[in-house]
Amino acid sequence: MAYDEGMAQMLRDDLADHPFREQKMFGGIAFMLAGNMVCGAYSGGAMFRVGKDRMAAALALPGVAQMMMGGRPMSVMAECSPETAADDGLRGALMRLALDCVAELPPKVAKARKTR
């Protein structure tokens, strides 16, 4: 599953003022702050970690749905189509929800890789 590089670049630009890092995930690319996923680009569009408390606000935005993985709803992740994500206002609203969510999470320390 490939992701749209243009979508990924929009997310990079949105996060330019934050010390994010990129990580391949879910067949796409995820953007992490302090080890926690904020958002990502994948073949279906964009995903945002809005958290349970902000999910209703995210779902109130046009074109936004709760993300499904393996047929199951992800309680903390919202998704939108490439067309919705291309709207600066909608993407910005989702990004604010995601950044607020991640700001409340403790930083994750990278685990040491196992050696064989």
Protein backbone atom coordinates (compact mmCIF):
# COMPACT_ATOMS: atom_id res chain seq x y z
CA MET A 1 0.00 0.00 0.00
CA ALA A 2 1.55 3.27 -1.07
CA TYR A 3 0.81 6.71 0.28
CA ASP A 4 0.52 9.98 -1.60
CA GLU A 5 3.74 11.98 -1.25
CA GLY A 6 1.82 15.22 -1.78
CA MET A 7 -0.36 14.36 1.23
CA ALA A 8 2.71 13.54 3.29
CA GLN A 9 4.27 16.87 2.33
CA MET A 10 1.15 18.78 3.44
CA LEU A 11 1.41 17.08 6.84
CA ARG A 12 5.15 17.84 7.03
CA ASP A 13 4.43 21.49 6.29
CA ASP A 14 1.70 21.57 8.96
CA LEU A 15 4.16 20.18 11.52
CA ALA A 16 7.12 22.35 10.48
CA ASP A 17 7.14 24.19 13.84
CA HIS A 18 7.26 20.92 15.82
CA PRO A 19 10.16 18.50 16.38
CA PHE A 20 8.50 15.59 14.57
CA ARG A 21 10.05 12.49 13.09
CA GLU A 22 8.73 10.24 10.35
CA GLN A 23 8.17 6.52 10.65
CA LYS A 24 6.85 3.98 8.15
CA MET A 25 3.64 2.54 9.57
CA PHE A 26 0.39 0.94 8.37
CA GLY A 27 1.71 0.82 4.81
CA GLY A 28 2.06 4.58 4.90
CA ILE A 29 4.03 7.17 6.81
CA ALA A 30 3.35 8.38 10.34
CA PHE A 31 4.47 11.62 11.96
CA MET A 32 5.57 11.30 15.57
CA LEU A 33 6.10 13.79 18.40
CA ALA A 34 7.91 12.55 21.52
CA GLY A 35 7.38 9.00 20.27
CA ASN A 36 3.60 9.36 19.90
CA MET A 37 1.84 9.28 16.55
CA VAL A 38 0.13 12.57 15.65
CA CYS A 39 -1.00 11.88 12.10
CA GLY A 40 -0.11 10.03 8.97
CA ALA A 41 -0.62 9.58 5.26
CA TYR A 42 -1.74 6.29 3.76
CA SER A 43 -3.32 5.11 0.53
CA GLY A 44 -6.83 6.13 1.65
CA GLY A 45 -5.96 9.68 2.70
CA ALA A 46 -4.85 11.03 6.06
CA MET A 47 -5.27 9.84 9.64
CA PHE A 48 -5.13 11.88 12.83
CA ARG A 49 -4.79 10.74 16.44
CA VAL A 50 -7.52 12.84 18.04
CA GLY A 51 -8.15 10.67 21.09
CA LYS A 52 -11.43 9.48 22.56
CA ASP A 53 -12.24 12.86 24.15
CA ARG A 54 -11.94 14.72 20.84
CA MET A 55 -13.47 12.12 18.52
CA ALA A 56 -16.92 13.75 18.55
CA ALA A 57 -15.39 17.09 17.55
CA ALA A 58 -13.46 15.40 14.73
CA LEU A 59 -16.53 13.53 13.48
CA ALA A 60 -18.49 16.80 13.40
CA LEU A 61 -16.17 18.02 10.62
CA PRO A 62 -17.38 17.29 7.07
CA GLY A 63 -15.67 14.35 5.39
CA VAL A 64 -14.18 12.91 8.60
CA ALA A 65 -14.82 9.35 9.83
CA GLN A 66 -13.59 7.14 12.61
CA MET A 67 -10.70 5.08 11.27
CA MET A 68 -11.29 1.37 10.81
CA MET A 69 -8.50 -1.19 10.90
CA GLY A 70 -9.21 -4.83 10.22
CA GLY A 71 -12.93 -4.09 10.32
CA ARG A 72 -12.73 -2.62 13.81
CA PRO A 73 -13.11 1.04 14.76
CA MET A 74 -10.02 2.68 16.22
CA SER A 75 -11.25 4.65 19.22
CA VAL A 76 -8.55 7.34 19.00
CA MET A 77 -8.01 7.71 15.24
CA ALA A 78 -9.98 9.79 12.73
CA GLU A 79 -9.45 9.63 8.97
CA CYS A 80 -10.35 11.66 5.93
CA SER A 81 -10.11 11.36 2.17
CA PRO A 82 -7.39 13.07 0.16
CA GLU A 83 -9.97 15.66 -0.96
CA THR A 84 -10.91 16.51 2.64
CA ALA A 85 -7.25 16.61 3.70
CA ALA A 86 -6.48 19.01 0.84
CA ASP A 87 -8.79 21.57 2.49
CA ASP A 88 -6.42 23.66 4.64
CA GLY A 89 -9.16 24.57 7.13
CA LEU A 90 -10.37 21.01 7.70
CA ARG A 91 -6.85 19.57 7.83
CA GLY A 92 -5.83 22.35 10.21
CA ALA A 93 -8.77 21.61 12.53
CA LEU A 94 -7.87 17.91 12.61
CA MET A 95 -4.20 18.72 13.17
CA ARG A 96 -5.07 20.97 16.14
CA LEU A 97 -7.16 18.18 17.68
CA ALA A 98 -4.32 15.71 17.13
CA LEU A 99 -1.62 18.01 18.54
CA ASP A 100 -3.79 18.72 21.61
CA CYS A 101 -4.28 14.98 22.10
CA VAL A 102 -0.59 14.12 21.83
CA ALA A 103 0.39 17.01 24.12
CA GLU A 104 -1.48 15.20 26.91
CA LEU A 105 0.41 11.92 26.41
CA PRO A 106 3.66 11.04 28.16
CA PRO A 107 6.71 10.87 25.88
CA LYS A 108 7.70 7.41 24.70
CA VAL A 109 11.29 6.31 24.99
CA ALA A 110 12.56 4.34 22.01
CA LYS A 111 13.11 0.69 22.87
CA ALA A 112 16.45 -0.91 22.16
CA ARG A 113 16.39 -3.23 19.17
CA LYS A 114 16.74 -6.92 19.91
CA THR A 115 19.89 -8.58 18.67
CA ARG A 116 19.87 -12.05 17.21
